[in-house]
Structures are given as structure tokens and as C-alpha cells.
C-alpha atoms as a PDB file:
ATOM      1  CA  MET A   1    -108.329  46.267 -35.436  1.00  0.00           C
ATOM      2  CA  ASN A   2    -110.204  46.012 -32.137  1.00  0.00           C
ATOM      3  CA  LEU A   3    -107.641  47.032 -29.514  1.00  0.00           C
ATOM      4  CA  HIS A   4    -110.308  47.680 -26.897  1.00  0.00           C
ATOM      5  CA  LYS A   5    -110.846  43.943 -26.500  1.00  0.00           C
ATOM      6  CA  TYR A   6    -107.219  43.574 -25.379  1.00  0.00           C
ATOM      7  CA  SER A   7    -106.838  46.862 -23.495  1.00  0.00           C
ATOM      8  CA  ASP A   8    -106.473  45.085 -20.154  1.00  0.00           C
ATOM      9  CA  THR A   9    -103.668  42.926 -21.559  1.00  0.00           C
ATOM     10  CA  ILE A  10    -101.878  45.980 -22.950  1.00  0.00           C
ATOM     11  CA  THR A  11    -102.278  47.926 -19.691  1.00  0.00           C
ATOM     12  CA  SER A  12    -101.045  45.011 -17.606  1.00  0.00           C
ATOM     13  CA  THR A  13     -98.029  44.486 -19.864  1.00  0.00           C
ATOM     14  CA  VAL A  14     -97.063  48.161 -19.820  1.00  0.00           C
ATOM     15  CA  THR A  15     -97.327  48.203 -16.031  1.00  0.00           C
ATOM     16  CA  LYS A  16     -94.984  45.226 -15.740  1.00  0.00           C
ATOM     17  CA  LEU A  17     -92.517  46.662 -18.260  1.00  0.00           C
ATOM     18  CA  SER A  18     -92.492  49.968 -16.366  1.00  0.00           C
ATOM     19  CA  GLU A  19     -91.366  48.385 -13.103  1.00  0.00           C
ATOM     20  CA  TYR A  20     -87.907  49.714 -12.277  1.00  0.00           C
ATOM     21  CA  GLU A  21     -86.468  46.309 -11.349  1.00  0.00           C
ATOM     22  CA  SER A  22     -87.282  45.004 -14.816  1.00  0.00           C
ATOM     23  CA  PHE A  23     -85.426  47.712 -16.736  1.00  0.00           C
ATOM     24  CA  LYS A  24     -82.764  49.145 -14.414  1.00  0.00           C
ATOM     25  CA  LEU A  25     -79.937  47.307 -16.238  1.00  0.00           C
ATOM     26  CA  LEU A  26     -81.396  47.734 -19.727  1.00  0.00           C
ATOM     27  CA  CYS A  27     -82.568  51.346 -19.866  1.00  0.00           C
ATOM     28  CA  HIS A  28     -80.374  54.377 -20.502  1.00  0.00           C
ATOM     29  CA  GLN A  29     -81.872  57.439 -18.863  1.00  0.00           C
ATOM     30  CA  HIS A  30     -81.226  60.332 -21.199  1.00  0.00           C
ATOM     31  CA  HIS A  31     -80.660  63.877 -19.906  1.00  0.00           C
ATOM     32  CA  ASP A  32     -82.503  66.663 -21.701  1.00  0.00           C
ATOM     33  CA  GLY A  33     -80.329  68.733 -24.012  1.00  0.00           C
ATOM     34  CA  GLU A  34     -77.575  66.137 -24.358  1.00  0.00           C
ATOM     35  CA  PRO A  35     -76.801  64.593 -27.783  1.00  0.00           C
ATOM     36  CA  TYR A  36     -77.235  60.882 -28.271  1.00  0.00           C
ATOM     37  CA  PRO A  37     -74.791  58.557 -30.105  1.00  0.00           C
ATOM     38  CA  SER A  38     -75.992  58.005 -33.666  1.00  0.00           C
ATOM     39  CA  GLU A  39     -74.936  55.050 -35.792  1.00  0.00           C
ATOM     40  CA  LYS A  40     -76.191  56.933 -38.854  1.00  0.00           C
ATOM     41  CA  VAL A  41     -73.913  59.901 -38.136  1.00  0.00           C
ATOM     42  CA  LEU A  42     -70.998  57.584 -37.347  1.00  0.00           C
ATOM     43  CA  HIS A  43     -71.411  55.978 -40.773  1.00  0.00           C
ATOM     44  CA  GLU A  44     -71.125  59.461 -42.273  1.00  0.00           C
ATOM     45  CA  ILE A  45     -68.037  60.127 -40.142  1.00  0.00           C
ATOM     46  CA  ILE A  46     -66.372  56.923 -41.380  1.00  0.00           C
ATOM     47  CA  GLU A  47     -67.162  57.825 -44.993  1.00  0.00           C
ATOM     48  CA  LEU A  48     -65.640  61.265 -44.436  1.00  0.00           C
ATOM     49  CA  CYS A  49     -62.538  59.707 -42.880  1.00  0.00           C
ATOM     50  CA  ARG A  50     -62.194  57.362 -45.840  1.00  0.00           C
ATOM     51  CA  ALA A  51     -62.618  60.260 -48.271  1.00  0.00           C
ATOM     52  CA  ILE A  52     -59.865  62.166 -46.445  1.00  0.00           C
ATOM     53  CA  LEU A  53     -57.520  59.216 -46.062  1.00  0.00           C
ATOM     54  CA  PHE A  54     -58.132  57.719 -49.540  1.00  0.00           C
ATOM     55  CA  PRO A  55     -59.009  60.759 -51.698  1.00  0.00           C
ATOM     56  CA  GLY A  56     -60.471  59.909 -55.076  1.00  0.00           C
ATOM     57  CA  TYR A  57     -61.457  56.418 -53.951  1.00  0.00           C
ATOM     58  CA  TYR A  58     -64.130  57.564 -51.517  1.00  0.00           C
ATOM     59  CA  GLY A  59     -66.135  60.772 -51.689  1.00  0.00           C
ATOM     60  CA  HIS A  60     -65.674  62.918 -54.808  1.00  0.00           C
ATOM     61  CA  SER A  61     -64.275  60.909 -57.691  1.00  0.00           C
ATOM     62  CA  ASN A  62     -63.019  64.009 -59.542  1.00  0.00           C
ATOM     63  CA  VAL A  63     -60.376  64.873 -56.952  1.00  0.00           C
ATOM     64  CA  ASN A  64     -57.004  65.763 -58.464  1.00  0.00           C
ATOM     65  CA  ARG A  65     -53.865  67.660 -57.453  1.00  0.00           C
ATOM     66  CA  ARG A  66     -55.517  71.001 -58.274  1.00  0.00           C
ATOM     67  CA  THR A  67     -58.722  70.386 -56.298  1.00  0.00           C
ATOM     68  CA  ILE A  68     -57.539  68.160 -53.465  1.00  0.00           C
ATOM     69  CA  THR A  69     -56.885  70.984 -50.988  1.00  0.00           C
ATOM     70  CA  TYR A  70     -60.428  72.278 -51.438  1.00  0.00           C
ATOM     71  CA  TYR A  71     -62.071  68.870 -51.041  1.00  0.00           C
ATOM     72  CA  LEU A  72     -59.926  67.944 -48.066  1.00  0.00           C
ATOM     73  CA  GLY A  73     -60.738  71.267 -46.431  1.00  0.00           C
ATOM     74  CA  VAL A  74     -64.484  70.825 -46.878  1.00  0.00           C
ATOM     75  CA  ASN A  75     -64.434  67.220 -45.665  1.00  0.00           C
ATOM     76  CA  THR A  76     -62.172  67.916 -42.694  1.00  0.00           C
ATOM     77  CA  GLU A  77     -64.327  70.813 -41.491  1.00  0.00           C
ATOM     78  CA  LYS A  78     -67.437  68.664 -41.769  1.00  0.00           C
ATOM     79  CA  LEU A  79     -65.672  65.797 -39.990  1.00  0.00           C
ATOM     80  CA  PHE A  80     -64.688  68.134 -37.163  1.00  0.00           C
ATOM     81  CA  GLU A  81     -68.280  69.270 -36.710  1.00  0.00           C
ATOM     82  CA  LEU A  82     -69.853  65.796 -36.783  1.00  0.00           C
ATOM     83  CA  LEU A  83     -67.167  64.028 -34.769  1.00  0.00           C
ATOM     84  CA  SER A  84     -67.098  66.606 -31.966  1.00  0.00           C
ATOM     85  CA  GLU A  85     -70.846  66.146 -31.519  1.00  0.00           C
ATOM     86  CA  GLN A  86     -70.539  62.344 -31.424  1.00  0.00           C
ATOM     87  CA  ILE A  87     -67.635  62.492 -28.983  1.00  0.00           C
ATOM     88  CA  LEU A  88     -69.812  64.739 -26.815  1.00  0.00           C
ATOM     89  CA  ALA A  89     -72.598  62.161 -27.118  1.00  0.00           C
ATOM     90  CA  GLY A  90     -70.194  59.470 -25.962  1.00  0.00           C
ATOM     91  CA  LEU A  91     -69.090  61.558 -22.985  1.00  0.00           C
ATOM     92  CA  CYS A  92     -72.710  62.249 -22.066  1.00  0.00           C
ATOM     93  CA  PHE A  93     -73.603  58.578 -22.416  1.00  0.00           C
ATOM     94  CA  ALA A  94     -70.765  57.589 -20.096  1.00  0.00           C
ATOM     95  CA  CYS A  95     -72.156  60.088 -17.558  1.00  0.00           C
ATOM     96  CA  ASP A  96     -68.922  60.616 -15.623  1.00  0.00           C
ATOM     97  CA  ARG A  97     -70.344  63.568 -13.697  1.00  0.00           C
ATOM     98  CA  SER A  98     -67.435  63.548 -11.272  1.00  0.00           C
ATOM     99  CA  LYS A  99     -65.092  64.408 -14.152  1.00  0.00           C
ATOM    100  CA  TYR A 100     -67.301  66.705 -16.207  1.00  0.00           C
ATOM    101  CA  VAL A 101     -69.567  68.813 -13.997  1.00  0.00           C
ATOM    102  CA  SER A 102     -71.436  70.532 -16.830  1.00  0.00           C
ATOM    103  CA  LEU A 103     -72.552  69.984 -20.398  1.00  0.00           C
ATOM    104  CA  GLU A 104     -70.374  72.901 -21.499  1.00  0.00           C
ATOM    105  CA  GLY A 105     -67.385  71.269 -19.822  1.00  0.00           C
ATOM    106  CA  MET A 106     -68.003  68.084 -21.763  1.00  0.00           C
ATOM    107  CA  ARG A 107     -68.506  70.048 -24.976  1.00  0.00           C
ATOM    108  CA  GLU A 108     -65.182  71.820 -24.524  1.00  0.00           C
ATOM    109  CA  LYS A 109     -63.447  68.499 -23.898  1.00  0.00           C
ATOM    110  CA  SER A 110     -65.091  66.904 -26.953  1.00  0.00           C
ATOM    111  CA  VAL A 111     -63.836  69.723 -29.204  1.00  0.00           C
ATOM    112  CA  GLU A 112     -60.354  69.327 -27.744  1.00  0.00           C
ATOM    113  CA  LYS A 113     -60.348  65.570 -28.395  1.00  0.00           C
ATOM    114  CA  THR A 114     -61.667  66.118 -31.925  1.00  0.00           C
ATOM    115  CA  ALA A 115     -58.831  68.543 -32.683  1.00  0.00           C
ATOM    116  CA  GLU A 116     -56.304  65.969 -31.454  1.00  0.00           C
ATOM    117  CA  PHE A 117     -57.853  63.313 -33.688  1.00  0.00           C
ATOM    118  CA  ILE A 118     -57.852  65.621 -36.727  1.00  0.00           C
ATOM    119  CA  ALA A 119     -54.172  66.381 -36.128  1.00  0.00           C
ATOM    120  CA  TYR A 120     -53.465  62.640 -36.180  1.00  0.00           C
ATOM    121  CA  LEU A 121     -54.963  62.079 -39.654  1.00  0.00           C
ATOM    122  CA  PRO A 122     -51.680  62.549 -41.629  1.00  0.00           C
ATOM    123  CA  GLU A 123     -49.987  59.903 -39.470  1.00  0.00           C
ATOM    124  CA  LEU A 124     -53.028  57.650 -39.798  1.00  0.00           C
ATOM    125  CA  ARG A 125     -52.784  57.872 -43.588  1.00  0.00           C
ATOM    126  CA  LYS A 126     -49.093  56.870 -43.445  1.00  0.00           C
ATOM    127  CA  ILE A 127     -49.958  53.795 -41.374  1.00  0.00           C
ATOM    128  CA  LEU A 128     -52.865  52.798 -43.631  1.00  0.00           C
ATOM    129  CA  THR A 129     -50.553  53.131 -46.640  1.00  0.00           C
ATOM    130  CA  THR A 130     -48.434  50.352 -45.132  1.00  0.00           C
ATOM    131  CA  ASP A 131     -51.550  48.198 -44.726  1.00  0.00           C
ATOM    132  CA  VAL A 132     -52.511  48.720 -48.374  1.00  0.00           C
ATOM    133  CA  ILE A 133     -48.978  47.796 -49.473  1.00  0.00           C
ATOM    134  CA  ALA A 134     -49.042  44.674 -47.269  1.00  0.00           C
ATOM    135  CA  ALA A 135     -52.396  43.560 -48.705  1.00  0.00           C
ATOM    136  CA  TYR A 136     -51.199  44.124 -52.284  1.00  0.00           C
ATOM    137  CA  ASN A 137     -47.858  42.366 -51.799  1.00  0.00           C
ATOM    138  CA  GLY A 138     -49.473  39.515 -49.892  1.00  0.00           C
ATOM    139  CA  ASP A 139     -52.066  38.595 -52.515  1.00  0.00           C
ATOM    140  CA  PRO A 140     -50.994  37.446 -55.998  1.00  0.00           C
ATOM    141  CA  ALA A 141     -54.556  38.068 -57.181  1.00  0.00           C
ATOM    142  CA  ALA A 142     -54.363  41.804 -56.394  1.00  0.00           C
ATOM    143  CA  GLU A 143     -53.834  43.758 -59.599  1.00  0.00           C
ATOM    144  CA  SER A 144     -53.434  47.270 -58.156  1.00  0.00           C
ATOM    145  CA  TYR A 145     -53.403  49.306 -54.987  1.00  0.00           C
ATOM    146  CA  GLY A 146     -56.699  50.794 -56.137  1.00  0.00           C
ATOM    147  CA  GLU A 147     -58.299  47.360 -56.214  1.00  0.00           C
ATOM    148  CA  VAL A 148     -57.101  46.742 -52.666  1.00  0.00           C
ATOM    149  CA  ILE A 149     -58.537  50.054 -51.423  1.00  0.00           C
ATOM    150  CA  PHE A 150     -61.846  49.665 -53.241  1.00  0.00           C
ATOM    151  CA  CYS A 151     -62.525  45.974 -52.747  1.00  0.00           C
ATOM    152  CA  TYR A 152     -60.670  44.399 -49.848  1.00  0.00           C
ATOM    153  CA  PRO A 153     -62.687  44.051 -46.641  1.00  0.00           C
ATOM    154  CA  ALA A 154     -59.456  44.019 -44.635  1.00  0.00           C
ATOM    155  CA  ILE A 155     -58.738  47.641 -45.551  1.00  0.00           C
ATOM    156  CA  ARG A 156     -62.230  48.697 -44.488  1.00  0.00           C
ATOM    157  CA  ALA A 157     -61.969  46.818 -41.195  1.00  0.00           C
ATOM    158  CA  ILE A 158     -58.412  47.920 -40.446  1.00  0.00           C
ATOM    159  CA  SER A 159     -59.157  51.563 -41.265  1.00  0.00           C
ATOM    160  CA  ASN A 160     -62.156  51.482 -38.916  1.00  0.00           C
ATOM    161  CA  HIS A 161     -59.993  49.868 -36.273  1.00  0.00           C
ATOM    162  CA  ARG A 162     -57.215  52.440 -36.533  1.00  0.00           C
ATOM    163  CA  ILE A 163     -59.760  55.269 -36.310  1.00  0.00           C
ATOM    164  CA  ALA A 164     -61.473  53.649 -33.321  1.00  0.00           C
ATOM    165  CA  HIS A 165     -58.165  52.834 -31.623  1.00  0.00           C
ATOM    166  CA  GLU A 166     -56.995  56.440 -31.796  1.00  0.00           C
ATOM    167  CA  LEU A 167     -60.301  57.698 -30.403  1.00  0.00           C
ATOM    168  CA  LEU A 168     -60.027  55.187 -27.575  1.00  0.00           C
ATOM    169  CA  LYS A 169     -56.503  56.407 -26.802  1.00  0.00           C
ATOM    170  CA  LEU A 170     -57.941  59.914 -26.577  1.00  0.00           C
ATOM    171  CA  GLY A 171     -60.323  58.723 -23.874  1.00  0.00           C
ATOM    172  CA  VAL A 172     -63.512  58.730 -25.949  1.00  0.00           C
ATOM    173  CA  PRO A 173     -66.088  56.305 -24.499  1.00  0.00           C
ATOM    174  CA  LEU A 174     -68.534  54.111 -26.462  1.00  0.00           C
ATOM    175  CA  ILE A 175     -67.954  55.690 -29.918  1.00  0.00           C
ATOM    176  CA  PRO A 176     -64.814  53.581 -30.693  1.00  0.00           C
ATOM    177  CA  ARG A 177     -66.700  50.373 -29.947  1.00  0.00           C
ATOM    178  CA  MET A 178     -69.582  51.439 -32.192  1.00  0.00           C
ATOM    179  CA  ILE A 179     -67.134  52.137 -35.031  1.00  0.00           C
ATOM    180  CA  SER A 180     -65.517  48.723 -34.589  1.00  0.00           C
ATOM    181  CA  GLU A 181     -68.885  46.977 -34.592  1.00  0.00           C
ATOM    182  CA  MET A 182     -69.826  48.816 -37.786  1.00  0.00           C
ATOM    183  CA  ALA A 183     -66.784  47.234 -39.450  1.00  0.00           C
ATOM    184  CA  HIS A 184     -67.719  43.885 -37.920  1.00  0.00           C
ATOM    185  CA  SER A 185     -71.175  44.099 -39.501  1.00  0.00           C
ATOM    186  CA  GLU A 186     -69.748  45.260 -42.838  1.00  0.00           C
ATOM    187  CA  THR A 187     -66.894  42.774 -43.192  1.00  0.00           C
ATOM    188  CA  GLY A 188     -67.289  39.941 -40.684  1.00  0.00           C
ATOM    189  CA  ILE A 189     -63.970  41.014 -39.103  1.00  0.00           C
ATOM    190  CA  ASP A 190     -64.210  41.673 -35.358  1.00  0.00           C
ATOM    191  CA  ILE A 191     -61.341  43.771 -33.956  1.00  0.00           C
ATOM    192  CA  HIS A 192     -61.715  45.299 -30.519  1.00  0.00           C
ATOM    193  CA  PRO A 193     -60.701  48.982 -30.628  1.00  0.00           C
ATOM    194  CA  ALA A 194     -58.273  48.486 -27.723  1.00  0.00           C
ATOM    195  CA  ALA A 195     -56.148  45.952 -29.642  1.00  0.00           C
ATOM    196  CA  THR A 196     -52.698  47.279 -30.585  1.00  0.00           C
ATOM    197  CA  ILE A 197     -51.673  46.612 -34.200  1.00  0.00           C
ATOM    198  CA  GLY A 198     -48.385  47.509 -35.885  1.00  0.00           C
ATOM    199  CA  ASN A 199     -47.621  48.590 -39.451  1.00  0.00           C
ATOM    200  CA  TYR A 200     -47.934  46.508 -42.634  1.00  0.00           C
ATOM    201  CA  PHE A 201     -50.815  44.481 -41.213  1.00  0.00           C
ATOM    202  CA  THR A 202     -53.058  42.483 -43.502  1.00  0.00           C
ATOM    203  CA  ILE A 203     -55.944  40.053 -43.226  1.00  0.00           C
ATOM    204  CA  ASP A 204     -56.487  37.768 -46.215  1.00  0.00           C
ATOM    205  CA  HIS A 205     -60.198  37.243 -46.990  1.00  0.00           C
ATOM    206  CA  GLY A 206     -61.032  38.116 -43.400  1.00  0.00           C
ATOM    207  CA  THR A 207     -64.432  36.625 -42.638  1.00  0.00           C
ATOM    208  CA  GLY A 208     -64.640  35.333 -39.077  1.00  0.00           C
ATOM    209  CA  VAL A 209     -61.447  36.956 -37.760  1.00  0.00           C
ATOM    210  CA  VAL A 210     -61.621  37.873 -34.055  1.00  0.00           C
ATOM    211  CA  ILE A 211     -58.962  40.000 -32.316  1.00  0.00           C
ATOM    212  CA  GLY A 212     -59.433  40.625 -28.595  1.00  0.00           C
ATOM    213  CA  ALA A 213     -59.024  43.823 -26.619  1.00  0.00           C
ATOM    214  CA  THR A 214     -55.600  43.203 -25.077  1.00  0.00           C
ATOM    215  CA  ALA A 215     -54.041  41.578 -28.147  1.00  0.00           C
ATOM    216  CA  ILE A 216     -50.754  43.099 -29.317  1.00  0.00           C
ATOM    217  CA  ILE A 217     -49.748  42.579 -32.949  1.00  0.00           C
ATOM    218  CA  GLY A 218     -46.339  43.584 -34.274  1.00  0.00           C
ATOM    219  CA  ASN A 219     -45.252  44.772 -37.711  1.00  0.00           C
ATOM    220  CA  ASN A 220     -45.621  42.848 -40.958  1.00  0.00           C
ATOM    221  CA  VAL A 221     -48.102  40.314 -39.599  1.00  0.00           C
ATOM    222  CA  LYS A 222     -50.482  38.456 -41.907  1.00  0.00           C
ATOM    223  CA  ILE A 223     -53.503  36.478 -40.787  1.00  0.00           C
ATOM    224  CA  TYR A 224     -56.133  34.571 -42.724  1.00  0.00           C
ATOM    225  CA  GLN A 225     -59.879  34.104 -42.386  1.00  0.00           C
ATOM    226  CA  GLY A 226     -61.312  32.533 -39.273  1.00  0.00           C
ATOM    227  CA  VAL A 227     -58.317  33.309 -37.036  1.00  0.00           C
ATOM    228  CA  THR A 228     -59.084  33.999 -33.382  1.00  0.00           C
ATOM    229  CA  LEU A 229     -56.730  35.873 -31.082  1.00  0.00           C
ATOM    230  CA  GLY A 230     -58.760  35.258 -27.972  1.00  0.00           C
ATOM    231  CA  ALA A 231     -58.687  34.754 -24.227  1.00  0.00           C
ATOM    232  CA  ARG A 232     -58.912  31.679 -22.103  1.00  0.00           C
ATOM    233  CA  SER A 233     -61.265  31.678 -19.126  1.00  0.00           C
ATOM    234  CA  PHE A 234     -60.253  34.563 -16.891  1.00  0.00           C
ATOM    235  CA  PRO A 235     -60.092  34.636 -13.086  1.00  0.00           C
ATOM    236  CA  LEU A 236     -62.934  35.617 -10.771  1.00  0.00           C
ATOM    237  CA  ASP A 237     -62.784  37.818  -7.701  1.00  0.00           C
ATOM    238  CA  ALA A 238     -63.837  36.774  -4.192  1.00  0.00           C
ATOM    239  CA  GLU A 239     -67.497  37.427  -5.059  1.00  0.00           C
ATOM    240  CA  GLY A 240     -67.375  35.353  -8.229  1.00  0.00           C
ATOM    241  CA  ASN A 241     -67.314  38.280 -10.658  1.00  0.00           C
ATOM    242  CA  PRO A 242     -64.941  38.311 -13.663  1.00  0.00           C
ATOM    243  CA  ILE A 243     -61.767  40.339 -13.082  1.00  0.00           C
ATOM    244  CA  LYS A 244     -61.562  42.794 -15.952  1.00  0.00           C
ATOM    245  CA  GLY A 245     -58.709  44.918 -17.271  1.00  0.00           C
ATOM    246  CA  ILE A 246     -55.999  42.261 -17.133  1.00  0.00           C
ATOM    247  CA  PRO A 247     -53.947  41.260 -20.220  1.00  0.00           C
ATOM    248  CA  ARG A 248     -55.533  38.064 -21.515  1.00  0.00           C
ATOM    249  CA  HIS A 249     -54.961  37.953 -25.286  1.00  0.00           C
ATOM    250  CA  PRO A 250     -51.921  36.883 -27.329  1.00  0.00           C
ATOM    251  CA  ILE A 251     -48.856  38.906 -28.254  1.00  0.00           C
ATOM    252  CA  ILE A 252     -47.968  38.386 -31.922  1.00  0.00           C
ATOM    253  CA  GLU A 253     -44.443  39.526 -32.721  1.00  0.00           C
ATOM    254  CA  ASP A 254     -43.143  40.842 -36.064  1.00  0.00           C
ATOM    255  CA  ASN A 255     -43.248  38.887 -39.345  1.00  0.00           C
ATOM    256  CA  VAL A 256     -45.696  36.215 -38.166  1.00  0.00           C
ATOM    257  CA  ILE A 257     -48.116  34.392 -40.486  1.00  0.00           C
ATOM    258  CA  ILE A 258     -51.256  32.772 -39.047  1.00  0.00           C
ATOM    259  CA  TYR A 259     -53.239  30.574 -41.424  1.00  0.00           C
ATOM    260  CA  SER A 260     -57.003  30.110 -41.574  1.00  0.00           C
ATOM    261  CA  ASN A 261     -59.073  29.021 -38.586  1.00  0.00           C
ATOM    262  CA  ALA A 262     -56.151  28.960 -36.168  1.00  0.00           C
ATOM    263  CA  THR A 263     -57.214  29.679 -32.582  1.00  0.00           C
ATOM    264  CA  ILE A 264     -54.613  31.319 -30.338  1.00  0.00           C
ATOM    265  CA  LEU A 265     -55.714  31.790 -26.746  1.00  0.00           C
ATOM    266  CA  GLY A 266     -54.372  33.427 -23.629  1.00  0.00           C
ATOM    267  CA  ARG A 267     -51.527  35.803 -22.837  1.00  0.00           C
ATOM    268  CA  ILE A 268     -48.950  33.868 -24.802  1.00  0.00           C
ATOM    269  CA  VAL A 269     -46.249  35.055 -27.192  1.00  0.00           C
ATOM    270  CA  ILE A 270     -45.982  33.986 -30.818  1.00  0.00           C
ATOM    271  CA  GLY A 271     -42.321  34.694 -31.540  1.00  0.00           C
ATOM    272  CA  GLU A 272     -40.957  36.715 -34.440  1.00  0.00           C
ATOM    273  CA  GLY A 273     -41.120  34.992 -37.807  1.00  0.00           C
ATOM    274  CA  ALA A 274     -43.226  32.078 -36.555  1.00  0.00           C
ATOM    275  CA  ILE A 275     -45.763  30.368 -38.808  1.00  0.00           C
ATOM    276  CA  ILE A 276     -49.004  29.007 -37.361  1.00  0.00           C
ATOM    277  CA  GLY A 277     -50.765  26.492 -39.587  1.00  0.00           C
ATOM    278  CA  GLY A 278     -54.493  26.300 -40.228  1.00  0.00           C
ATOM    279  CA  ASN A 279     -57.016  24.724 -37.856  1.00  0.00           C
ATOM    280  CA  ILE A 280     -54.564  24.756 -34.943  1.00  0.00           C
ATOM    281  CA  TRP A 281     -55.347  25.372 -31.266  1.00  0.00           C
ATOM    282  CA  VAL A 282     -52.420  27.191 -29.609  1.00  0.00           C
ATOM    283  CA  THR A 283     -52.305  27.911 -25.855  1.00  0.00           C
ATOM    284  CA  GLU A 284     -48.534  27.942 -25.228  1.00  0.00           C
ATOM    285  CA  ASN A 285     -45.705  30.229 -26.315  1.00  0.00           C
ATOM    286  CA  VAL A 286     -44.236  29.672 -29.771  1.00  0.00           C
ATOM    287  CA  GLU A 287     -40.516  30.333 -30.193  1.00  0.00           C
ATOM    288  CA  PRO A 288     -39.266  32.757 -32.878  1.00  0.00           C
ATOM    289  CA  GLY A 289     -39.057  31.119 -36.291  1.00  0.00           C
ATOM    290  CA  ASP A 290     -40.998  28.004 -35.260  1.00  0.00           C
ATOM    291  CA  LYS A 291     -43.611  26.385 -37.497  1.00  0.00           C
ATOM    292  CA  VAL A 292     -46.646  24.947 -35.739  1.00  0.00           C
ATOM    293  CA  MET A 293     -48.566  22.550 -37.978  1.00  0.00           C
ATOM    294  CA  GLN A 294     -51.169  19.860 -37.519  1.00  0.00           C
ATOM    295  CA  THR A 295     -49.734  16.440 -36.620  1.00  0.00           C
ATOM    296  CA  ARG A 296     -50.538  13.963 -39.322  1.00  0.00           C
ATOM    297  CA  SER A 297     -52.204  10.758 -38.194  1.00  0.00           C
ATOM    298  CA  ARG A 298     -50.365   7.446 -38.393  1.00  0.00           C
ATOM    299  CA  GLN A 299     -52.903   6.238 -40.921  1.00  0.00           C
ATOM    300  CA  THR A 300     -52.128   9.186 -43.162  1.00  0.00           C
ATOM    301  CA  GLU A 301     -48.414   8.518 -42.838  1.00  0.00           C
ATOM    302  CA  LYS A 302     -48.939   4.839 -43.744  1.00  0.00           C
ATOM    303  CA  ASN A 303     -50.957   5.793 -46.798  1.00  0.00           C
ATOM    304  CA  LYS A 304     -48.054   7.865 -48.047  1.00  0.00           C
END
């Protein structure tokens, strides 16, 4: 290949691409000696979490009551090591130098946050157990809890979400969002790590589900594929910039069922025990126990 013929083109292009104004919003300037967030390592961290939370289903298949303490010990120590480094990478990426004045200060904080996350794992397993039970009880086709754990995309997405949500609560930047987007890529289920979700939560099928950052979901809620818990257009400040950080997604109370492709927008409340039918657009509060269904056309009624 004769690159010399096009050397002027290459030089000119590199010069333009190197202009600060062209990359100032798109380039992360890395500091020497600081770790960088790694999607590859985060995949390993999620697999370790799954092996710890669902022993025998993920990781070593020969885990039993005699060997479980050993395997959990090995996996938890490895998780601690990998996660603390990725939390440090997230802190470095966020570059809050006013809060952490040195790399060692950030490293100490990352180890502290990792220890808090590790301590939360027993509670996380209890919560995920309720999700597995909800998925099994909610699907007549499910033949065992093992099938649900192995095969159901909802369990993968929800487990990622609950891991990411806890890390976000601990003040870890960037890493929770990366973990959520990994589940999004794997399952087609998009749950923002800031969304609050209660126990016994299940998503049937799951593809195309979107749950926004300020959504609050109660206990024993079931949603189907294509459901969106989203925001309406949000207000702008005096300079025309979006105002962020305000509650803008729905509140779903306990024992609600939302059928496929329903779109629920804005900071509205879907009352306890309500049922939202498929292909519905909801932008107003729904009273407890109400059923919101599509209105049949007059022609359809006449044909009956």
C-alpha cells in the first residue's frame, strides 16, 4: 500500500483532529498511574457475583454443602480485589479532586466501598431469591427455579441492576452505569441503576423494557416486554439547558401488573393492585385497583 501518496491528507487530518476545540467534549485525559474502567474486568466481576449469589449455577458446577465455603471464599476474595480496582478506576475517571486529593486517598475510599458492598451480598441474595420466586410463580412455562436462574433474561438483568444500584448508593461513579448497560446489551432490558425496585419483581420475556432513573417500583410488581417507565419532556433553566436531578419517572405501587408495550410517562402514580393493559399510553395517575385497557372502537363493538 502506497501511503506516501496520501501523506499530506493523513497529516492534514491528524492536525484537524488534534485541535482542542474538536475533542474537548469527547476526550478523556487520563492521569498516569491511575487505573482505567474495564468492561472486560466488569464482566468478570458480574460472573463472580453470579457465582457467589447463585452457587452451582454459575462458576464451579461441582459446588456442594461440603465445598461451598471454600468456593465462596475464593470467589469473594477475588471479587474484592477486582471490584476495588474498578471502583478506584471509577473514582479516578470522575476526577473529583476537591474530594480526593491523592490517588492513595481514592484507593483507600475504593477499598472501603468494596468492603461495604461485600457485606451487602447476603442481603442481595435474599432479595434476588424473591425475584426468582416471582419469575417462577408468574410463568406457567417455568418448570423449576433452576430453569429460571439459568435461562431467564429477567434474572440476569435484575441481578445486574441490584448490583449496580447498591454500588450507586455507595457513591461509586460510572461503574454502576457500565454494569447496567452490560445487562442491556445482554438481554435487551434497560434499567437505570438509580431506579428503586422492591422485592418479588419480575419481567416476563423482557426485550425492550425501559425503566428510568427516578422510577420507583414497589413489591410484587410484574411487567411484560416492551414496557417503558419513562419521562415526559422535562423543564429547561433560564439558559435553555435541561434541569437534571428532578423526579420525572413513574411510581409503581405494590402488586401492579403492566402488560406488553405499555408506555407510562411522567411522575405519576400507578396505585396498588392496578392493571395496565398492553399498548396503552398512560400520563395520569391510576387509582389503586383500577384496570386501564384499550377502548374498543365502535366498529368492533358493532361486529360483536
